[in-house]
Amino acid sequence: MLAETILTRAITQLNESDPPVQWTRNELIASLNEARRLICDIKPDAGEVTEGVRLAPGARQTLPPGGQRFLKLPSLLHTTETNLHPIG
């Protein structure tokens, strides 16, 4: 769902005009972003993104840019020069 759709619904529910008077669009966007963060704090997989990453040597790894927490490892792939295939 697009943020614009959510904002339009919120403006309607708040009996606001368009453009809003009581709450600015920036305030509504900030509230929407805060709600998304709170939902993801309570239910981390609500904002889950699956992304392939190249692992560094050793056991300790880092999250990709923008990553906040590691949820699960769906599979490991062994690479050769031409193929990717599951390990195990």
PDB file of N, CA and C in Angstrom:
ATOM      1  N   MET A   1       0.853  -1.175   0.000  1.00  0.00           N
ATOM      2  CA  MET A   1       0.000   0.000   0.000  1.00  0.00           C
ATOM      3  C   MET A   1       0.897   1.235   0.000  1.00  0.00           C
ATOM      4  N   LEU A   2       0.546   2.189  -0.812  1.00  0.00           N
ATOM      5  CA  LEU A   2       1.329   3.423  -0.908  1.00  0.00           C
ATOM      6  C   LEU A   2       1.037   4.357   0.262  1.00  0.00           C
ATOM      7  N   ALA A   3       2.064   5.081   0.683  1.00  0.00           N
ATOM      8  CA  ALA A   3       1.900   6.049   1.766  1.00  0.00           C
ATOM      9  C   ALA A   3       0.842   7.087   1.403  1.00  0.00           C
ATOM     10  N   GLU A   4       0.781   7.471   0.140  1.00  0.00           N
ATOM     11  CA  GLU A   4      -0.208   8.469  -0.293  1.00  0.00           C
ATOM     12  C   GLU A   4      -1.633   7.981  -0.048  1.00  0.00           C
ATOM     13  N   THR A   5      -1.870   6.688  -0.280  1.00  0.00           N
ATOM     14  CA  THR A   5      -3.194   6.106  -0.029  1.00  0.00           C
ATOM     15  C   THR A   5      -3.534   6.164   1.454  1.00  0.00           C
ATOM     16  N   ILE A   6      -2.567   5.818   2.284  1.00  0.00           N
ATOM     17  CA  ILE A   6      -2.778   5.852   3.733  1.00  0.00           C
ATOM     18  C   ILE A   6      -3.035   7.284   4.194  1.00  0.00           C
ATOM     19  N   LEU A   7      -2.254   8.238   3.682  1.00  0.00           N
ATOM     20  CA  LEU A   7      -2.450   9.645   4.067  1.00  0.00           C
ATOM     21  C   LEU A   7      -3.817  10.151   3.630  1.00  0.00           C
ATOM     22  N   THR A   8      -4.252   9.792   2.445  1.00  0.00           N
ATOM     23  CA  THR A   8      -5.573  10.219   1.961  1.00  0.00           C
ATOM     24  C   THR A   8      -6.665   9.677   2.871  1.00  0.00           C
ATOM     25  N   ARG A   9      -6.550   8.419   3.258  1.00  0.00           N
ATOM     26  CA  ARG A   9      -7.535   7.834   4.180  1.00  0.00           C
ATOM     27  C   ARG A   9      -7.507   8.527   5.534  1.00  0.00           C
ATOM     28  N   ALA A  10      -6.298   8.809   6.031  1.00  0.00           N
ATOM     29  CA  ALA A  10      -6.177   9.487   7.331  1.00  0.00           C
ATOM     30  C   ALA A  10      -6.800  10.875   7.276  1.00  0.00           C
ATOM     31  N   ILE A  11      -6.536  11.598   6.199  1.00  0.00           N
ATOM     32  CA  ILE A  11      -7.107  12.939   6.043  1.00  0.00           C
ATOM     33  C   ILE A  11      -8.630  12.868   6.051  1.00  0.00           C
ATOM     34  N   THR A  12      -9.185  11.859   5.382  1.00  0.00           N
ATOM     35  CA  THR A  12     -10.645  11.682   5.364  1.00  0.00           C
ATOM     36  C   THR A  12     -11.162  11.361   6.759  1.00  0.00           C
ATOM     37  N   GLN A  13     -10.509  10.413   7.454  1.00  0.00           N
ATOM     38  CA  GLN A  13     -10.941  10.011   8.788  1.00  0.00           C
ATOM     39  C   GLN A  13     -10.844  11.157   9.796  1.00  0.00           C
ATOM     40  N   LEU A  14      -9.867  12.030   9.598  1.00  0.00           N
ATOM     41  CA  LEU A  14      -9.674  13.163  10.511  1.00  0.00           C
ATOM     42  C   LEU A  14     -10.548  14.360  10.138  1.00  0.00           C
ATOM     43  N   ASN A  15     -11.394  14.182   9.117  1.00  0.00           N
ATOM     44  CA  ASN A  15     -12.240  15.271   8.612  1.00  0.00           C
ATOM     45  C   ASN A  15     -11.414  16.495   8.242  1.00  0.00           C
ATOM     46  N   GLU A  16     -10.260  16.236   7.665  1.00  0.00           N
ATOM     47  CA  GLU A  16      -9.370  17.302   7.235  1.00  0.00           C
ATOM     48  C   GLU A  16      -9.689  17.689   5.804  1.00  0.00           C
ATOM     49  N   SER A  17      -9.268  18.872   5.424  1.00  0.00           N
ATOM     50  CA  SER A  17      -9.351  19.278   4.030  1.00  0.00           C
ATOM     51  C   SER A  17      -8.080  18.800   3.330  1.00  0.00           C
ATOM     52  N   ASP A  18      -8.042  18.958   2.029  1.00  0.00           N
ATOM     53  CA  ASP A  18      -6.828  18.591   1.302  1.00  0.00           C
ATOM     54  C   ASP A  18      -6.366  19.828   0.557  1.00  0.00           C
ATOM     55  N   PRO A  19      -5.307  20.484   0.911  1.00  0.00           N
ATOM     56  CA  PRO A  19      -4.282  20.053   1.861  1.00  0.00           C
ATOM     57  C   PRO A  19      -4.760  20.187   3.306  1.00  0.00           C
ATOM     58  N   PRO A  20      -4.220  19.349   4.191  1.00  0.00           N
ATOM     59  CA  PRO A  20      -4.639  19.352   5.591  1.00  0.00           C
ATOM     60  C   PRO A  20      -4.325  20.673   6.297  1.00  0.00           C
ATOM     61  N   VAL A  21      -5.167  20.995   7.277  1.00  0.00           N
ATOM     62  CA  VAL A  21      -5.007  22.246   8.032  1.00  0.00           C
ATOM     63  C   VAL A  21      -4.500  21.957   9.447  1.00  0.00           C
ATOM     64  N   GLN A  22      -5.167  21.047  10.156  1.00  0.00           N
ATOM     65  CA  GLN A  22      -4.812  20.753  11.549  1.00  0.00           C
ATOM     66  C   GLN A  22      -3.450  20.057  11.649  1.00  0.00           C
ATOM     67  N   TRP A  23      -3.239  19.058  10.793  1.00  0.00           N
ATOM     68  CA  TRP A  23      -1.984  18.316  10.768  1.00  0.00           C
ATOM     69  C   TRP A  23      -1.366  18.502   9.396  1.00  0.00           C
ATOM     70  N   THR A  24      -0.113  18.919   9.366  1.00  0.00           N
ATOM     71  CA  THR A  24       0.544  19.100   8.066  1.00  0.00           C
ATOM     72  C   THR A  24       0.861  17.730   7.461  1.00  0.00           C
ATOM     73  N   ARG A  25       1.106  17.719   6.172  1.00  0.00           N
ATOM     74  CA  ARG A  25       1.480  16.453   5.514  1.00  0.00           C
ATOM     75  C   ARG A  25       2.750  15.890   6.146  1.00  0.00           C
ATOM     76  N   ASN A  26       3.691  16.755   6.488  1.00  0.00           N
ATOM     77  CA  ASN A  26       4.927  16.283   7.125  1.00  0.00           C
ATOM     78  C   ASN A  26       4.645  15.625   8.475  1.00  0.00           C
ATOM     79  N   GLU A  27       3.695  16.174   9.246  1.00  0.00           N
ATOM     80  CA  GLU A  27       3.326  15.563  10.526  1.00  0.00           C
ATOM     81  C   GLU A  27       2.654  14.208  10.310  1.00  0.00           C
ATOM     82  N   LEU A  28       1.790  14.127   9.299  1.00  0.00           N
ATOM     83  CA  LEU A  28       1.127  12.856   8.996  1.00  0.00           C
ATOM     84  C   LEU A  28       2.136  11.809   8.526  1.00  0.00           C
ATOM     85  N   ILE A  29       3.089  12.217   7.708  1.00  0.00           N
ATOM     86  CA  ILE A  29       4.127  11.294   7.244  1.00  0.00           C
ATOM     87  C   ILE A  29       4.986  10.835   8.421  1.00  0.00           C
ATOM     88  N   ALA A  30       5.335  11.753   9.311  1.00  0.00           N
ATOM     89  CA  ALA A  30       6.126  11.382  10.494  1.00  0.00           C
ATOM     90  C   ALA A  30       5.360  10.383  11.361  1.00  0.00           C
ATOM     91  N   SER A  31       4.056  10.587  11.523  1.00  0.00           N
ATOM     92  CA  SER A  31       3.234   9.657  12.303  1.00  0.00           C
ATOM     93  C   SER A  31       3.162   8.294  11.626  1.00  0.00           C
ATOM     94  N   LEU A  32       3.033   8.291  10.306  1.00  0.00           N
ATOM     95  CA  LEU A  32       3.006   7.037   9.552  1.00  0.00           C
ATOM     96  C   LEU A  32       4.326   6.282   9.713  1.00  0.00           C
ATOM     97  N   ASN A  33       5.446   6.989   9.612  1.00  0.00           N
ATOM     98  CA  ASN A  33       6.756   6.361   9.786  1.00  0.00           C
ATOM     99  C   ASN A  33       6.945   5.822  11.198  1.00  0.00           C
ATOM    100  N   GLU A  34       6.477   6.574  12.182  1.00  0.00           N
ATOM    101  CA  GLU A  34       6.579   6.119  13.570  1.00  0.00           C
ATOM    102  C   GLU A  34       5.731   4.865  13.782  1.00  0.00           C
ATOM    103  N   ALA A  35       4.531   4.846  13.218  1.00  0.00           N
ATOM    104  CA  ALA A  35       3.670   3.663  13.337  1.00  0.00           C
ATOM    105  C   ALA A  35       4.340   2.448  12.713  1.00  0.00           C
ATOM    106  N   ARG A  36       4.952   2.628  11.558  1.00  0.00           N
ATOM    107  CA  ARG A  36       5.647   1.515  10.895  1.00  0.00           C
ATOM    108  C   ARG A  36       6.785   0.994  11.762  1.00  0.00           C
ATOM    109  N   ARG A  37       7.569   1.907  12.355  1.00  0.00           N
ATOM    110  CA  ARG A  37       8.671   1.486  13.240  1.00  0.00           C
ATOM    111  C   ARG A  37       8.135   0.705  14.444  1.00  0.00           C
ATOM    112  N   LEU A  38       7.045   1.192  15.040  1.00  0.00           N
ATOM    113  CA  LEU A  38       6.484   0.527  16.213  1.00  0.00           C
ATOM    114  C   LEU A  38       5.952  -0.862  15.854  1.00  0.00           C
ATOM    115  N   ILE A  39       5.295  -0.976  14.711  1.00  0.00           N
ATOM    116  CA  ILE A  39       4.798  -2.280  14.264  1.00  0.00           C
ATOM    117  C   ILE A  39       5.965  -3.241  14.079  1.00  0.00           C
ATOM    118  N   CYS A  40       7.037  -2.778  13.457  1.00  0.00           N
ATOM    119  CA  CYS A  40       8.204  -3.634  13.226  1.00  0.00           C
ATOM    120  C   CYS A  40       8.929  -3.982  14.522  1.00  0.00           C
ATOM    121  N   ASP A  41       8.846  -3.131  15.540  1.00  0.00           N
ATOM    122  CA  ASP A  41       9.424  -3.459  16.846  1.00  0.00           C
ATOM    123  C   ASP A  41       8.642  -4.597  17.500  1.00  0.00           C
ATOM    124  N   ILE A  42       7.311  -4.572  17.353  1.00  0.00           N
ATOM    125  CA  ILE A  42       6.457  -5.591  17.953  1.00  0.00           C
ATOM    126  C   ILE A  42       6.482  -6.879  17.129  1.00  0.00           C
ATOM    127  N   LYS A  43       6.456  -6.742  15.824  1.00  0.00           N
ATOM    128  CA  LYS A  43       6.427  -7.890  14.911  1.00  0.00           C
ATOM    129  C   LYS A  43       7.491  -7.676  13.839  1.00  0.00           C
ATOM    130  N   PRO A  44       8.748  -8.043  14.138  1.00  0.00           N
ATOM    131  CA  PRO A  44       9.862  -7.735  13.241  1.00  0.00           C
ATOM    132  C   PRO A  44       9.680  -8.196  11.797  1.00  0.00           C
ATOM    133  N   ASP A  45       9.018  -9.325  11.595  1.00  0.00           N
ATOM    134  CA  ASP A  45       8.881  -9.801  10.221  1.00  0.00           C
ATOM    135  C   ASP A  45       7.873  -9.001   9.404  1.00  0.00           C
ATOM    136  N   ALA A  46       7.199  -8.021  10.012  1.00  0.00           N
ATOM    137  CA  ALA A  46       6.276  -7.167   9.260  1.00  0.00           C
ATOM    138  C   ALA A  46       7.024  -6.318   8.235  1.00  0.00           C
ATOM    139  N   GLY A  47       8.264  -6.020   8.505  1.00  0.00           N
ATOM    140  CA  GLY A  47       9.070  -5.240   7.571  1.00  0.00           C
ATOM    141  C   GLY A  47      10.184  -6.063   6.942  1.00  0.00           C
ATOM    142  N   GLU A  48      10.003  -7.373   6.945  1.00  0.00           N
ATOM    143  CA  GLU A  48      11.044  -8.284   6.473  1.00  0.00           C
ATOM    144  C   GLU A  48      11.379  -8.082   4.998  1.00  0.00           C
ATOM    145  N   VAL A  49      12.658  -8.101   4.717  1.00  0.00           N
ATOM    146  CA  VAL A  49      13.152  -8.046   3.346  1.00  0.00           C
ATOM    147  C   VAL A  49      14.151  -9.184   3.190  1.00  0.00           C
ATOM    148  N   THR A  50      13.973  -9.980   2.150  1.00  0.00           N
ATOM    149  CA  THR A  50      14.923 -11.043   1.867  1.00  0.00           C
ATOM    150  C   THR A  50      15.915 -10.523   0.848  1.00  0.00           C
ATOM    151  N   GLU A  51      17.179 -10.646   1.175  1.00  0.00           N
ATOM    152  CA  GLU A  51      18.214 -10.091   0.314  1.00  0.00           C
ATOM    153  C   GLU A  51      19.411 -11.036   0.281  1.00  0.00           C
ATOM    154  N   GLY A  52      19.928 -11.268  -0.890  1.00  0.00           N
ATOM    155  CA  GLY A  52      21.132 -12.066  -1.015  1.00  0.00           C
ATOM    156  C   GLY A  52      22.349 -11.223  -0.660  1.00  0.00           C
ATOM    157  N   VAL A  53      23.261 -11.801   0.097  1.00  0.00           N
ATOM    158  CA  VAL A  53      24.482 -11.083   0.467  1.00  0.00           C
ATOM    159  C   VAL A  53      25.683 -11.996   0.285  1.00  0.00           C
ATOM    160  N   ARG A  54      26.811 -11.402  -0.018  1.00  0.00           N
ATOM    161  CA  ARG A  54      28.064 -12.149  -0.099  1.00  0.00           C
ATOM    162  C   ARG A  54      28.654 -12.174   1.308  1.00  0.00           C
ATOM    163  N   LEU A  55      28.916 -13.366   1.815  1.00  0.00           N
ATOM    164  CA  LEU A  55      29.424 -13.507   3.174  1.00  0.00           C
ATOM    165  C   LEU A  55      30.915 -13.225   3.230  1.00  0.00           C
ATOM    166  N   ALA A  56      31.333 -12.651   4.343  1.00  0.00           N
ATOM    167  CA  ALA A  56      32.749 -12.396   4.591  1.00  0.00           C
ATOM    168  C   ALA A  56      33.363 -13.660   5.193  1.00  0.00           C
ATOM    169  N   PRO A  57      34.670 -13.835   5.078  1.00  0.00           N
ATOM    170  CA  PRO A  57      35.314 -14.984   5.728  1.00  0.00           C
ATOM    171  C   PRO A  57      35.088 -14.941   7.237  1.00  0.00           C
ATOM    172  N   GLY A  58      34.901 -16.091   7.850  1.00  0.00           N
ATOM    173  CA  GLY A  58      34.711 -16.169   9.292  1.00  0.00           C
ATOM    174  C   GLY A  58      33.235 -16.217   9.671  1.00  0.00           C
ATOM    175  N   ALA A  59      32.999 -16.342  10.975  1.00  0.00           N
ATOM    176  CA  ALA A  59      31.631 -16.497  11.469  1.00  0.00           C
ATOM    177  C   ALA A  59      30.896 -15.164  11.608  1.00  0.00           C
ATOM    178  N   ARG A  60      31.600 -14.091  11.934  1.00  0.00           N
ATOM    179  CA  ARG A  60      30.937 -12.805  12.173  1.00  0.00           C
ATOM    180  C   ARG A  60      30.656 -12.119  10.844  1.00  0.00           C
ATOM    181  N   GLN A  61      29.403 -11.702  10.667  1.00  0.00           N
ATOM    182  CA  GLN A  61      28.965 -11.041   9.453  1.00  0.00           C
ATOM    183  C   GLN A  61      28.365  -9.685   9.809  1.00  0.00           C
ATOM    184  N   THR A  62      28.162  -8.857   8.810  1.00  0.00           N
ATOM    185  CA  THR A  62      27.515  -7.568   9.019  1.00  0.00           C
ATOM    186  C   THR A  62      26.241  -7.517   8.182  1.00  0.00           C
ATOM    187  N   LEU A  63      25.288  -6.716   8.631  1.00  0.00           N
ATOM    188  CA  LEU A  63      24.049  -6.532   7.889  1.00  0.00           C
ATOM    189  C   LEU A  63      24.297  -5.658   6.668  1.00  0.00           C
ATOM    190  N   PRO A  64      23.513  -5.856   5.614  1.00  0.00           N
ATOM    191  CA  PRO A  64      23.651  -4.974   4.455  1.00  0.00           C
ATOM    192  C   PRO A  64      23.212  -3.551   4.814  1.00  0.00           C
ATOM    193  N   PRO A  65      23.601  -2.551   4.024  1.00  0.00           N
ATOM    194  CA  PRO A  65      23.182  -1.172   4.306  1.00  0.00           C
ATOM    195  C   PRO A  65      21.662  -1.082   4.464  1.00  0.00           C
ATOM    196  N   GLY A  66      21.225  -0.387   5.508  1.00  0.00           N
ATOM    197  CA  GLY A  66      19.802  -0.227   5.778  1.00  0.00           C
ATOM    198  C   GLY A  66      19.222  -1.347   6.625  1.00  0.00           C
ATOM    199  N   GLY A  67      19.980  -2.432   6.820  1.00  0.00           N
ATOM    200  CA  GLY A  67      19.498  -3.540   7.642  1.00  0.00           C
ATOM    201  C   GLY A  67      19.513  -3.167   9.113  1.00  0.00           C
ATOM    202  N   GLN A  68      18.488  -3.617   9.848  1.00  0.00           N
ATOM    203  CA  GLN A  68      18.413  -3.305  11.273  1.00  0.00           C
ATOM    204  C   GLN A  68      18.620  -4.524  12.154  1.00  0.00           C
ATOM    205  N   ARG A  69      18.158  -5.701  11.687  1.00  0.00           N
ATOM    206  CA  ARG A  69      18.337  -6.918  12.470  1.00  0.00           C
ATOM    207  C   ARG A  69      18.255  -8.128  11.557  1.00  0.00           C
ATOM    208  N   PHE A  70      18.906  -9.177  11.987  1.00  0.00           N
ATOM    209  CA  PHE A  70      18.900 -10.430  11.250  1.00  0.00           C
ATOM    210  C   PHE A  70      17.746 -11.276  11.771  1.00  0.00           C
ATOM    211  N   LEU A  71      16.864 -11.749  10.876  1.00  0.00           N
ATOM    212  CA  LEU A  71      15.725 -12.548  11.315  1.00  0.00           C
ATOM    213  C   LEU A  71      15.948 -14.043  11.127  1.00  0.00           C
ATOM    214  N   LYS A  72      16.369 -14.445   9.946  1.00  0.00           N
ATOM    215  CA  LYS A  72      16.567 -15.875   9.699  1.00  0.00           C
ATOM    216  C   LYS A  72      17.430 -16.075   8.469  1.00  0.00           C
ATOM    217  N   LEU A  73      17.958 -17.259   8.368  1.00  0.00           N
ATOM    218  CA  LEU A  73      18.772 -17.637   7.220  1.00  0.00           C
ATOM    219  C   LEU A  73      17.992 -18.689   6.446  1.00  0.00           C
ATOM    220  N   PRO A  74      17.351 -18.297   5.327  1.00  0.00           N
ATOM    221  CA  PRO A  74      16.530 -19.265   4.603  1.00  0.00           C
ATOM    222  C   PRO A  74      17.352 -20.376   3.963  1.00  0.00           C
ATOM    223  N   SER A  75      18.549 -20.090   3.490  1.00  0.00           N
ATOM    224  CA  SER A  75      19.393 -21.130   2.907  1.00  0.00           C
ATOM    225  C   SER A  75      20.793 -20.585   2.666  1.00  0.00           C
ATOM    226  N   LEU A  76      21.723 -21.483   2.573  1.00  0.00           N
ATOM    227  CA  LEU A  76      23.090 -21.138   2.187  1.00  0.00           C
ATOM    228  C   LEU A  76      23.300 -21.646   0.770  1.00  0.00           C
ATOM    229  N   LEU A  77      23.958 -20.871  -0.026  1.00  0.00           N
ATOM    230  CA  LEU A  77      24.271 -21.297  -1.388  1.00  0.00           C
ATOM    231  C   LEU A  77      25.773 -21.393  -1.540  1.00  0.00           C
ATOM    232  N   HIS A  78      26.229 -22.458  -2.150  1.00  0.00           N
ATOM    233  CA  HIS A  78      27.632 -22.628  -2.476  1.00  0.00           C
ATOM    234  C   HIS A  78      27.830 -22.108  -3.892  1.00  0.00           C
ATOM    235  N   THR A  79      28.813 -21.277  -4.087  1.00  0.00           N
ATOM    236  CA  THR A  79      29.010 -20.723  -5.419  1.00  0.00           C
ATOM    237  C   THR A  79      30.201 -21.377  -6.101  1.00  0.00           C
ATOM    238  N   THR A  80      30.044 -21.581  -7.378  1.00  0.00           N
ATOM    239  CA  THR A  80      31.164 -21.923  -8.232  1.00  0.00           C
ATOM    240  C   THR A  80      31.223 -20.794  -9.260  1.00  0.00           C
ATOM    241  N   GLU A  81      32.089 -20.875 -10.191  1.00  0.00           N
ATOM    242  CA  GLU A  81      32.189 -19.789 -11.160  1.00  0.00           C
ATOM    243  C   GLU A  81      30.915 -19.629 -11.983  1.00  0.00           C
ATOM    244  N   THR A  82      30.167 -20.722 -12.191  1.00  0.00           N
ATOM    245  CA  THR A  82      29.004 -20.649 -13.079  1.00  0.00           C
ATOM    246  C   THR A  82      27.697 -20.982 -12.397  1.00  0.00           C
ATOM    247  N   ASN A  83      27.706 -21.629 -11.228  1.00  0.00           N
ATOM    248  CA  ASN A  83      26.461 -22.095 -10.626  1.00  0.00           C
ATOM    249  C   ASN A  83      26.335 -21.677  -9.172  1.00  0.00           C
ATOM    250  N   LEU A  84      25.086 -21.614  -8.732  1.00  0.00           N
ATOM    251  CA  LEU A  84      24.754 -21.498  -7.314  1.00  0.00           C
ATOM    252  C   LEU A  84      23.945 -22.735  -6.975  1.00  0.00           C
ATOM    253  N   HIS A  85      24.280 -23.441  -5.902  1.00  0.00           N
ATOM    254  CA  HIS A  85      23.472 -24.572  -5.496  1.00  0.00           C
ATOM    255  C   HIS A  85      23.425 -24.660  -3.975  1.00  0.00           C
ATOM    256  N   PRO A  86      22.271 -25.121  -3.424  1.00  0.00           N
ATOM    257  CA  PRO A  86      22.113 -25.171  -1.972  1.00  0.00           C
ATOM    258  C   PRO A  86      23.143 -26.081  -1.310  1.00  0.00           C
ATOM    259  N   ILE A  87      23.538 -25.691  -0.107  1.00  0.00           N
ATOM    260  CA  ILE A  87      24.437 -26.519   0.699  1.00  0.00           C
ATOM    261  C   ILE A  87      23.566 -27.393   1.588  1.00  0.00           C
ATOM    262  N   GLY A  88      23.887 -28.657   1.689  1.00  0.00           N
ATOM    263  CA  GLY A  88      23.189 -29.539   2.621  1.00  0.00           C
ATOM    264  C   GLY A  88      22.196 -30.447   2.043  1.00  0.00           C
TER     265      GLY A  88
END
